[in-house]
Amino acid sequence: MKYLVLLLVLALAIIIWRSRRAPDAAAPKPGPAAQAPPDILACAHCGLHIPRAEALMLGDQAFCCAQHRQQHQGPV
C-alpha cells in the first residue's frame, strides 16, 4: 500500500514538473518566418507589385523591367 502512495506522489510530482516546463518548450523561436516582410512597390508603368530589391528605380519611381523604365523615360 505504501508503494502505491509513493508511486502516486511521484507521478503527481512529474505531472506538475512537466506542466510548468511546457510553456517554455512550446514557445516559438524566432527564425526566418519571424522576419519582417520585404517592401513591396508597384511598377509606375503597369502597376505590377514587386519587392524593392528587384525593382528598377528611376528617381523615386519603381519599374518591374528595363523596358517599362525606358518607355517611361521617353526616347533617348
Protein backbone atom coordinates (compact mmCIF):
# COMPACT_ATOMS: atom_id res chain seq x y z
CA MET A 1 0.00 0.00 0.00
CA LYS A 2 2.77 2.46 0.85
CA TYR A 3 4.43 1.76 -2.54
CA LEU A 4 1.18 2.68 -4.28
CA VAL A 5 1.02 6.00 -2.38
CA LEU A 6 4.70 6.64 -3.17
CA LEU A 7 4.06 5.89 -6.85
CA LEU A 8 1.07 8.29 -6.94
CA VAL A 9 3.07 11.08 -5.26
CA LEU A 10 5.93 10.56 -7.71
CA ALA A 11 3.56 10.57 -10.70
CA LEU A 12 1.89 13.76 -9.43
CA ALA A 13 5.27 15.44 -9.00
CA ILE A 14 6.28 14.52 -12.55
CA ILE A 15 2.99 15.83 -13.95
CA ILE A 16 3.37 19.15 -12.12
CA TRP A 17 7.02 19.47 -13.18
CA ARG A 18 6.17 18.85 -16.87
CA SER A 19 3.20 21.23 -16.85
CA ARG A 20 5.44 24.06 -15.65
CA ARG A 21 8.07 23.32 -18.32
CA ALA A 22 5.63 23.04 -21.24
CA PRO A 23 5.17 26.78 -21.99
CA ASP A 24 8.94 27.34 -22.28
CA ALA A 25 9.40 24.38 -24.62
CA ALA A 26 6.40 25.32 -26.77
CA ALA A 27 7.38 28.98 -27.19
CA PRO A 28 8.04 29.82 -30.82
CA LYS A 29 11.66 30.55 -31.59
CA PRO A 30 12.47 33.47 -33.88
CA GLY A 31 13.61 32.33 -37.27
CA PRO A 32 13.16 33.16 -40.93
CA ALA A 33 9.39 33.32 -40.56
CA ALA A 34 9.68 35.98 -37.85
CA GLN A 35 11.48 38.46 -40.10
CA ALA A 36 9.64 41.48 -41.45
CA PRO A 37 8.27 41.11 -44.99
CA PRO A 38 10.15 42.95 -47.76
CA ASP A 39 8.97 46.34 -49.00
CA ILE A 40 6.67 45.93 -51.99
CA LEU A 41 6.47 48.59 -54.70
CA ALA A 42 4.14 48.97 -57.67
CA CYS A 43 5.56 49.45 -61.15
CA ALA A 44 4.89 53.04 -62.29
CA HIS A 45 4.06 51.76 -65.80
CA CYS A 46 1.92 48.63 -65.38
CA GLY A 47 1.19 48.51 -61.63
CA LEU A 48 2.80 45.09 -61.06
CA HIS A 49 3.82 44.66 -57.41
CA ILE A 50 7.49 43.72 -56.93
CA PRO A 51 9.91 43.61 -53.98
CA ARG A 52 12.06 46.72 -53.56
CA ALA A 53 15.22 44.59 -54.00
CA GLU A 54 14.11 43.55 -57.53
CA ALA A 55 12.72 46.92 -58.65
CA LEU A 56 14.48 49.10 -61.19
CA MET A 57 14.40 52.62 -59.79
CA LEU A 58 14.24 55.88 -61.73
CA GLY A 59 14.22 58.67 -59.18
CA ASP A 60 11.56 57.71 -56.67
CA GLN A 61 9.57 55.58 -59.12
CA ALA A 62 9.89 51.81 -59.35
CA PHE A 63 9.67 49.70 -62.51
CA CYS A 64 9.40 45.96 -63.00
CA CYS A 65 11.65 45.76 -66.08
CA ALA A 66 14.06 47.83 -68.13
CA GLN A 67 11.54 48.16 -70.99
CA HIS A 68 8.98 49.86 -68.74
CA ARG A 69 11.65 52.14 -67.34
CA GLN A 70 12.75 53.14 -70.86
CA GLN A 71 9.15 53.72 -72.00
CA HIS A 72 8.61 56.00 -69.02
CA GLN A 73 11.82 57.96 -69.74
CA GLY A 74 10.94 58.51 -73.37
CA PRO A 75 13.30 58.17 -76.34
CA VAL A 76 16.98 58.56 -75.53
